[in-house]
């Protein structure tokens, strides 16, 4: 994943260098044309290739200011682009981990209680395509009488309990739910829920060690 990032940034640097070279050349020609048209009737190419000494210093001074300004802008753009691409790569890595996890995983929006993501194992277990599952409330598949949505368990830590998930065929899967407190990088306390699906009395454990850093805090796995 690092190689595409480097290639993109390298291409951006090349494009920026080409643009800066073109701007400097245009400035040099425009300045020569103005000096030739307004002040000195010598041939235009003489003003371009052999300008007066004071004219050279003036042009170099202006070009240095432009270069310093452009380098600063380039630094800010590159830093922002690098951060953006890093976030995109982490989101792709998180999606890959979730999608290829051996457990069935659902992500539920903390505000609405609706499912925002379902991996392929969850789709197979529920018996519906992921695109159909997304947008439905979690209570559609997990009995609300025996299950409380994770973001409502605000006063508990280390809460582990078993609930029932029912698929479209009526088959019931016991679901082990645990609630764990975590903190984001900026310090505020957040909640994250880890669930494993108990199929035939064997726990298919969800491995969230590699996912926890990437998960947005407005979504929680069920």
C-alpha atoms as a PDB file:
ATOM      1  CA  UNK A   1       0.000   0.000   0.000  1.00  0.00           C
ATOM      2  CA  UNK A   2       2.957   2.328   0.511  1.00  0.00           C
ATOM      3  CA  UNK A   3       4.114   2.122  -3.101  1.00  0.00           C
ATOM      4  CA  UNK A   4       0.947   3.681  -4.602  1.00  0.00           C
ATOM      5  CA  UNK A   5       1.209   6.481  -2.048  1.00  0.00           C
ATOM      6  CA  UNK A   6       4.822   7.164  -3.009  1.00  0.00           C
ATOM      7  CA  UNK A   7       4.003   7.020  -6.714  1.00  0.00           C
ATOM      8  CA  UNK A   8       1.125   9.450  -6.367  1.00  0.00           C
ATOM      9  CA  UNK A   9       3.198  11.909  -4.360  1.00  0.00           C
ATOM     10  CA  UNK A  10       6.093  11.549  -6.804  1.00  0.00           C
ATOM     11  CA  UNK A  11       3.791  12.312  -9.730  1.00  0.00           C
ATOM     12  CA  UNK A  12       2.442  15.318  -7.854  1.00  0.00           C
ATOM     13  CA  UNK A  13       5.990  16.571  -7.286  1.00  0.00           C
ATOM     14  CA  UNK A  14       6.842  16.163 -10.978  1.00  0.00           C
ATOM     15  CA  UNK A  15       3.688  18.016 -12.031  1.00  0.00           C
ATOM     16  CA  UNK A  16       4.426  20.800  -9.571  1.00  0.00           C
ATOM     17  CA  UNK A  17       8.026  21.103 -10.819  1.00  0.00           C
ATOM     18  CA  UNK A  18       6.843  21.310 -14.430  1.00  0.00           C
ATOM     19  CA  UNK A  19       4.243  23.928 -13.544  1.00  0.00           C
ATOM     20  CA  UNK A  20       6.828  25.998 -11.654  1.00  0.00           C
ATOM     21  CA  UNK A  21       9.272  25.829 -14.575  1.00  0.00           C
ATOM     22  CA  UNK A  22       6.595  26.967 -17.021  1.00  0.00           C
ATOM     23  CA  UNK A  23       5.569  29.873 -14.780  1.00  0.00           C
ATOM     24  CA  UNK A  24       9.193  31.031 -14.402  1.00  0.00           C
ATOM     25  CA  UNK A  25       9.753  30.835 -18.166  1.00  0.00           C
ATOM     26  CA  UNK A  26       6.540  32.764 -18.860  1.00  0.00           C
ATOM     27  CA  UNK A  27       7.547  35.451 -16.383  1.00  0.00           C
ATOM     28  CA  UNK A  28      10.963  35.766 -18.022  1.00  0.00           C
ATOM     29  CA  UNK A  29       9.438  36.153 -21.501  1.00  0.00           C
ATOM     30  CA  UNK A  30       6.729  38.570 -20.339  1.00  0.00           C
ATOM     31  CA  UNK A  31       9.244  40.724 -18.506  1.00  0.00           C
ATOM     32  CA  UNK A  32      11.504  40.733 -21.586  1.00  0.00           C
ATOM     33  CA  UNK A  33       8.583  41.677 -23.828  1.00  0.00           C
ATOM     34  CA  UNK A  34       7.536  44.550 -21.551  1.00  0.00           C
ATOM     35  CA  UNK A  35      11.093  45.886 -21.351  1.00  0.00           C
ATOM     36  CA  UNK A  36      11.513  45.570 -25.130  1.00  0.00           C
ATOM     37  CA  UNK A  37       8.175  47.235 -25.908  1.00  0.00           C
ATOM     38  CA  UNK A  38       8.323  50.075 -23.379  1.00  0.00           C
ATOM     39  CA  UNK A  39      11.961  50.926 -22.773  1.00  0.00           C
ATOM     40  CA  UNK A  40      14.497  49.486 -25.200  1.00  0.00           C
ATOM     41  CA  UNK A  41      14.094  48.967 -28.965  1.00  0.00           C
ATOM     42  CA  UNK A  42      16.809  46.299 -29.097  1.00  0.00           C
ATOM     43  CA  UNK A  43      15.720  42.955 -30.607  1.00  0.00           C
ATOM     44  CA  UNK A  44      13.402  40.898 -28.419  1.00  0.00           C
ATOM     45  CA  UNK A  45      15.762  37.901 -28.266  1.00  0.00           C
ATOM     46  CA  UNK A  46      18.462  40.139 -26.839  1.00  0.00           C
ATOM     47  CA  UNK A  47      16.177  41.020 -23.934  1.00  0.00           C
ATOM     48  CA  UNK A  48      15.455  37.321 -23.440  1.00  0.00           C
ATOM     49  CA  UNK A  49      18.980  35.942 -23.726  1.00  0.00           C
ATOM     50  CA  UNK A  50      21.165  38.927 -22.794  1.00  0.00           C
ATOM     51  CA  UNK A  51      19.219  41.332 -20.582  1.00  0.00           C
ATOM     52  CA  UNK A  52      20.898  44.237 -18.813  1.00  0.00           C
ATOM     53  CA  UNK A  53      22.609  43.523 -15.488  1.00  0.00           C
ATOM     54  CA  UNK A  54      20.090  45.467 -13.404  1.00  0.00           C
ATOM     55  CA  UNK A  55      17.296  43.681 -15.269  1.00  0.00           C
ATOM     56  CA  UNK A  56      18.828  40.300 -14.453  1.00  0.00           C
ATOM     57  CA  UNK A  57      18.971  41.107 -10.742  1.00  0.00           C
ATOM     58  CA  UNK A  58      15.389  42.318 -10.732  1.00  0.00           C
ATOM     59  CA  UNK A  59      14.141  39.207 -12.490  1.00  0.00           C
ATOM     60  CA  UNK A  60      16.149  36.888 -10.251  1.00  0.00           C
ATOM     61  CA  UNK A  61      14.780  38.646  -7.150  1.00  0.00           C
ATOM     62  CA  UNK A  62      11.201  38.221  -8.346  1.00  0.00           C
ATOM     63  CA  UNK A  63      11.835  34.594  -9.296  1.00  0.00           C
ATOM     64  CA  UNK A  64      13.328  33.859  -5.865  1.00  0.00           C
ATOM     65  CA  UNK A  65      10.219  35.258  -4.178  1.00  0.00           C
ATOM     66  CA  UNK A  66       8.033  33.140  -6.454  1.00  0.00           C
ATOM     67  CA  UNK A  67      10.112  30.042  -5.764  1.00  0.00           C
ATOM     68  CA  UNK A  68      10.024  30.493  -1.987  1.00  0.00           C
ATOM     69  CA  UNK A  69       6.273  31.027  -2.085  1.00  0.00           C
ATOM     70  CA  UNK A  70       5.742  28.034  -4.378  1.00  0.00           C
ATOM     71  CA  UNK A  71       7.892  25.764  -2.204  1.00  0.00           C
ATOM     72  CA  UNK A  72       5.820  26.727   0.829  1.00  0.00           C
ATOM     73  CA  UNK A  73       2.570  26.059  -1.014  1.00  0.00           C
ATOM     74  CA  UNK A  74       3.959  22.778  -2.333  1.00  0.00           C
ATOM     75  CA  UNK A  75       4.942  21.696   1.172  1.00  0.00           C
ATOM     76  CA  UNK A  76       1.457  22.401   2.531  1.00  0.00           C
ATOM     77  CA  UNK A  77      -0.267  20.684  -0.386  1.00  0.00           C
ATOM     78  CA  UNK A  78       1.991  17.639  -0.160  1.00  0.00           C
ATOM     79  CA  UNK A  79       1.499  17.323   3.585  1.00  0.00           C
ATOM     80  CA  UNK A  80      -2.282  17.541   3.238  1.00  0.00           C
ATOM     81  CA  UNK A  81      -2.303  15.110   0.339  1.00  0.00           C
ATOM     82  CA  UNK A  82      -0.099  12.666   2.236  1.00  0.00           C
ATOM     83  CA  UNK A  83      -2.455  12.766   5.231  1.00  0.00           C
ATOM     84  CA  UNK A  84      -5.467  12.274   2.962  1.00  0.00           C
ATOM     85  CA  UNK A  85      -3.911   9.294   1.189  1.00  0.00           C
ATOM     86  CA  UNK A  86      -2.854   7.771   4.512  1.00  0.00           C
ATOM     87  CA  UNK A  87      -6.439   7.970   5.776  1.00  0.00           C
ATOM     88  CA  UNK A  88      -7.703   6.382   2.560  1.00  0.00           C
ATOM     89  CA  UNK A  89      -5.170   3.554   2.858  1.00  0.00           C
ATOM     90  CA  UNK A  90      -6.134   2.913   6.481  1.00  0.00           C
ATOM     91  CA  UNK A  91      -9.809   2.824   5.542  1.00  0.00           C
ATOM     92  CA  UNK A  92      -9.019   0.321   2.787  1.00  0.00           C
ATOM     93  CA  UNK A  93      -6.990  -1.805   5.210  1.00  0.00           C
ATOM     94  CA  UNK A  94      -9.812  -1.703   7.758  1.00  0.00           C
ATOM     95  CA  UNK A  95     -12.348  -2.681   5.100  1.00  0.00           C
ATOM     96  CA  UNK A  96     -10.089  -5.551   3.999  1.00  0.00           C
ATOM     97  CA  UNK A  97      -9.727  -6.807   7.586  1.00  0.00           C
ATOM     98  CA  UNK A  98     -13.466  -6.620   8.222  1.00  0.00           C
ATOM     99  CA  UNK A  99     -14.417  -8.236   4.918  1.00  0.00           C
ATOM    100  CA  UNK A 100     -11.992 -11.167   5.254  1.00  0.00           C
ATOM    101  CA  UNK A 101     -12.552 -11.728   8.968  1.00  0.00           C
ATOM    102  CA  UNK A 102     -13.705 -15.302   9.712  1.00  0.00           C
ATOM    103  CA  UNK A 103     -16.518 -13.947  11.892  1.00  0.00           C
ATOM    104  CA  UNK A 104     -19.770 -12.324  10.842  1.00  0.00           C
ATOM    105  CA  UNK A 105     -19.474  -8.588  11.493  1.00  0.00           C
ATOM    106  CA  UNK A 106     -22.089  -5.860  11.441  1.00  0.00           C
ATOM    107  CA  UNK A 107     -21.350  -2.174  12.030  1.00  0.00           C
ATOM    108  CA  UNK A 108     -24.194  -0.195  13.558  1.00  0.00           C
ATOM    109  CA  UNK A 109     -24.473   3.583  13.479  1.00  0.00           C
ATOM    110  CA  UNK A 110     -24.393   4.848  17.069  1.00  0.00           C
ATOM    111  CA  UNK A 111     -26.982   7.593  16.463  1.00  0.00           C
ATOM    112  CA  UNK A 112     -29.689   5.792  14.496  1.00  0.00           C
ATOM    113  CA  UNK A 113     -29.067   2.164  15.457  1.00  0.00           C
ATOM    114  CA  UNK A 114     -29.118   1.231  11.765  1.00  0.00           C
ATOM    115  CA  UNK A 115     -26.637  -1.155  10.188  1.00  0.00           C
ATOM    116  CA  UNK A 116     -23.988   0.702   8.190  1.00  0.00           C
ATOM    117  CA  UNK A 117     -21.851  -2.281   7.132  1.00  0.00           C
ATOM    118  CA  UNK A 118     -22.126  -6.071   6.858  1.00  0.00           C
ATOM    119  CA  UNK A 119     -19.262  -8.315   5.774  1.00  0.00           C
ATOM    120  CA  UNK A 120     -19.728 -11.348   3.534  1.00  0.00           C
ATOM    121  CA  UNK A 121     -19.954 -13.788   6.469  1.00  0.00           C
ATOM    122  CA  UNK A 122     -22.719 -11.723   8.058  1.00  0.00           C
ATOM    123  CA  UNK A 123     -24.490 -11.658   4.708  1.00  0.00           C
ATOM    124  CA  UNK A 124     -24.262 -15.463   4.429  1.00  0.00           C
ATOM    125  CA  UNK A 125     -25.391 -15.969   8.024  1.00  0.00           C
ATOM    126  CA  UNK A 126     -28.387 -13.645   7.752  1.00  0.00           C
ATOM    127  CA  UNK A 127     -29.237 -14.874   4.267  1.00  0.00           C
ATOM    128  CA  UNK A 128     -29.458 -11.461   2.610  1.00  0.00           C
ATOM    129  CA  UNK A 129     -27.087  -9.444   0.404  1.00  0.00           C
ATOM    130  CA  UNK A 130     -24.976  -6.885   2.247  1.00  0.00           C
ATOM    131  CA  UNK A 131     -26.566  -4.079   0.224  1.00  0.00           C
ATOM    132  CA  UNK A 132     -29.981  -5.142   1.543  1.00  0.00           C
ATOM    133  CA  UNK A 133     -28.816  -5.479   5.146  1.00  0.00           C
ATOM    134  CA  UNK A 134     -27.280  -1.997   5.217  1.00  0.00           C
ATOM    135  CA  UNK A 135     -29.800   0.605   6.363  1.00  0.00           C
ATOM    136  CA  UNK A 136     -31.934  -1.764   8.426  1.00  0.00           C
ATOM    137  CA  UNK A 137     -32.119  -1.527  12.214  1.00  0.00           C
ATOM    138  CA  UNK A 138     -30.172  -4.078  14.230  1.00  0.00           C
ATOM    139  CA  UNK A 139     -33.377  -5.118  16.018  1.00  0.00           C
ATOM    140  CA  UNK A 140     -34.546  -6.565  12.683  1.00  0.00           C
ATOM    141  CA  UNK A 141     -32.106  -9.434  13.209  1.00  0.00           C
ATOM    142  CA  UNK A 142     -31.350  -9.315  16.946  1.00  0.00           C
ATOM    143  CA  UNK A 143     -34.265  -9.624  19.356  1.00  0.00           C
ATOM    144  CA  UNK A 144     -34.717  -6.222  21.009  1.00  0.00           C
ATOM    145  CA  UNK A 145     -36.215  -7.852  24.105  1.00  0.00           C
ATOM    146  CA  UNK A 146     -32.909  -9.555  24.863  1.00  0.00           C
ATOM    147  CA  UNK A 147     -30.529  -7.039  23.310  1.00  0.00           C
ATOM    148  CA  UNK A 148     -29.749  -3.426  24.087  1.00  0.00           C
ATOM    149  CA  UNK A 149     -27.943  -1.399  21.454  1.00  0.00           C
ATOM    150  CA  UNK A 150     -24.299  -0.945  22.374  1.00  0.00           C
ATOM    151  CA  UNK A 151     -24.253   2.838  22.623  1.00  0.00           C
ATOM    152  CA  UNK A 152     -26.963   2.698  25.322  1.00  0.00           C
ATOM    153  CA  UNK A 153     -24.698   0.710  27.656  1.00  0.00           C
ATOM    154  CA  UNK A 154     -22.895   3.894  28.701  1.00  0.00           C
ATOM    155  CA  UNK A 155     -22.448   2.984  32.360  1.00  0.00           C
ATOM    156  CA  UNK A 156     -20.866  -0.446  31.941  1.00  0.00           C
ATOM    157  CA  UNK A 157     -17.390  -1.646  31.117  1.00  0.00           C
ATOM    158  CA  UNK A 158     -16.420  -5.192  30.283  1.00  0.00           C
ATOM    159  CA  UNK A 159     -20.077  -6.148  29.839  1.00  0.00           C
ATOM    160  CA  UNK A 160     -20.304  -9.622  28.299  1.00  0.00           C
ATOM    161  CA  UNK A 161     -23.649 -11.181  27.477  1.00  0.00           C
ATOM    162  CA  UNK A 162     -25.253 -13.556  25.011  1.00  0.00           C
ATOM    163  CA  UNK A 163     -28.062 -12.614  22.637  1.00  0.00           C
ATOM    164  CA  UNK A 164     -29.859 -14.189  19.711  1.00  0.00           C
ATOM    165  CA  UNK A 165     -29.494 -13.355  16.028  1.00  0.00           C
ATOM    166  CA  UNK A 166     -32.234 -14.675  13.754  1.00  0.00           C
ATOM    167  CA  UNK A 167     -31.687 -14.973   9.994  1.00  0.00           C
ATOM    168  CA  UNK A 168     -34.297 -14.837   7.215  1.00  0.00           C
ATOM    169  CA  UNK A 169     -34.834 -18.612   7.431  1.00  0.00           C
ATOM    170  CA  UNK A 170     -35.653 -18.388  11.127  1.00  0.00           C
ATOM    171  CA  UNK A 171     -32.430 -20.026  12.246  1.00  0.00           C
ATOM    172  CA  UNK A 172     -31.106 -18.657  15.538  1.00  0.00           C
ATOM    173  CA  UNK A 173     -27.426 -17.951  16.205  1.00  0.00           C
ATOM    174  CA  UNK A 174     -26.219 -17.133  19.717  1.00  0.00           C
ATOM    175  CA  UNK A 175     -24.178 -13.917  19.699  1.00  0.00           C
ATOM    176  CA  UNK A 176     -21.602 -13.087  22.345  1.00  0.00           C
ATOM    177  CA  UNK A 177     -21.468  -9.333  22.908  1.00  0.00           C
ATOM    178  CA  UNK A 178     -18.819  -7.463  24.883  1.00  0.00           C
ATOM    179  CA  UNK A 179     -18.525  -3.726  25.511  1.00  0.00           C
ATOM    180  CA  UNK A 180     -15.090  -2.190  26.001  1.00  0.00           C
ATOM    181  CA  UNK A 181     -14.034   1.375  26.753  1.00  0.00           C
ATOM    182  CA  UNK A 182     -11.346   2.880  24.525  1.00  0.00           C
ATOM    183  CA  UNK A 183      -9.948   6.364  24.065  1.00  0.00           C
ATOM    184  CA  UNK A 184      -9.345   8.151  20.803  1.00  0.00           C
ATOM    185  CA  UNK A 185      -6.036   9.825  20.077  1.00  0.00           C
ATOM    186  CA  UNK A 186      -7.368  13.226  21.162  1.00  0.00           C
ATOM    187  CA  UNK A 187      -8.412  11.874  24.564  1.00  0.00           C
ATOM    188  CA  UNK A 188     -12.243  11.717  24.739  1.00  0.00           C
ATOM    189  CA  UNK A 189     -13.643   8.443  26.032  1.00  0.00           C
ATOM    190  CA  UNK A 190     -15.415   6.353  23.414  1.00  0.00           C
ATOM    191  CA  UNK A 191     -17.152   2.978  23.320  1.00  0.00           C
ATOM    192  CA  UNK A 192     -16.373   0.057  21.090  1.00  0.00           C
ATOM    193  CA  UNK A 193     -18.222  -3.254  20.993  1.00  0.00           C
ATOM    194  CA  UNK A 194     -16.644  -6.612  20.180  1.00  0.00           C
ATOM    195  CA  UNK A 195     -18.902  -9.511  19.254  1.00  0.00           C
ATOM    196  CA  UNK A 196     -18.267 -13.112  18.398  1.00  0.00           C
ATOM    197  CA  UNK A 197     -20.801 -15.470  16.836  1.00  0.00           C
ATOM    198  CA  UNK A 198     -21.254 -18.811  18.603  1.00  0.00           C
ATOM    199  CA  UNK A 199     -22.051 -21.316  15.882  1.00  0.00           C
ATOM    200  CA  UNK A 200     -22.506 -24.934  16.983  1.00  0.00           C
ATOM    201  CA  UNK A 201     -21.209 -23.972  20.443  1.00  0.00           C
ATOM    202  CA  UNK A 202     -17.846 -22.802  19.083  1.00  0.00           C
ATOM    203  CA  UNK A 203     -16.880 -19.168  19.392  1.00  0.00           C
ATOM    204  CA  UNK A 204     -15.806 -17.579  16.121  1.00  0.00           C
ATOM    205  CA  UNK A 205     -13.850 -14.785  17.741  1.00  0.00           C
ATOM    206  CA  UNK A 206     -13.669 -11.406  16.096  1.00  0.00           C
ATOM    207  CA  UNK A 207     -10.088 -10.213  16.001  1.00  0.00           C
ATOM    208  CA  UNK A 208     -10.306  -6.459  16.343  1.00  0.00           C
ATOM    209  CA  UNK A 209      -6.697  -5.826  17.396  1.00  0.00           C
ATOM    210  CA  UNK A 210      -5.802  -4.661  13.910  1.00  0.00           C
ATOM    211  CA  UNK A 211      -9.143  -2.968  13.306  1.00  0.00           C
ATOM    212  CA  UNK A 212      -9.523  -0.912  16.464  1.00  0.00           C
ATOM    213  CA  UNK A 213      -7.140   1.807  15.300  1.00  0.00           C
ATOM    214  CA  UNK A 214      -9.027   2.278  12.041  1.00  0.00           C
ATOM    215  CA  UNK A 215     -12.683   2.107  13.083  1.00  0.00           C
ATOM    216  CA  UNK A 216     -14.572   5.425  13.036  1.00  0.00           C
ATOM    217  CA  UNK A 217     -16.103   6.208  16.410  1.00  0.00           C
ATOM    218  CA  UNK A 218     -19.577   6.772  14.964  1.00  0.00           C
ATOM    219  CA  UNK A 219     -19.856   3.083  14.036  1.00  0.00           C
ATOM    220  CA  UNK A 220     -19.630  -0.008  16.208  1.00  0.00           C
ATOM    221  CA  UNK A 221     -19.326  -3.682  15.312  1.00  0.00           C
ATOM    222  CA  UNK A 222     -22.079  -5.912  16.661  1.00  0.00           C
END
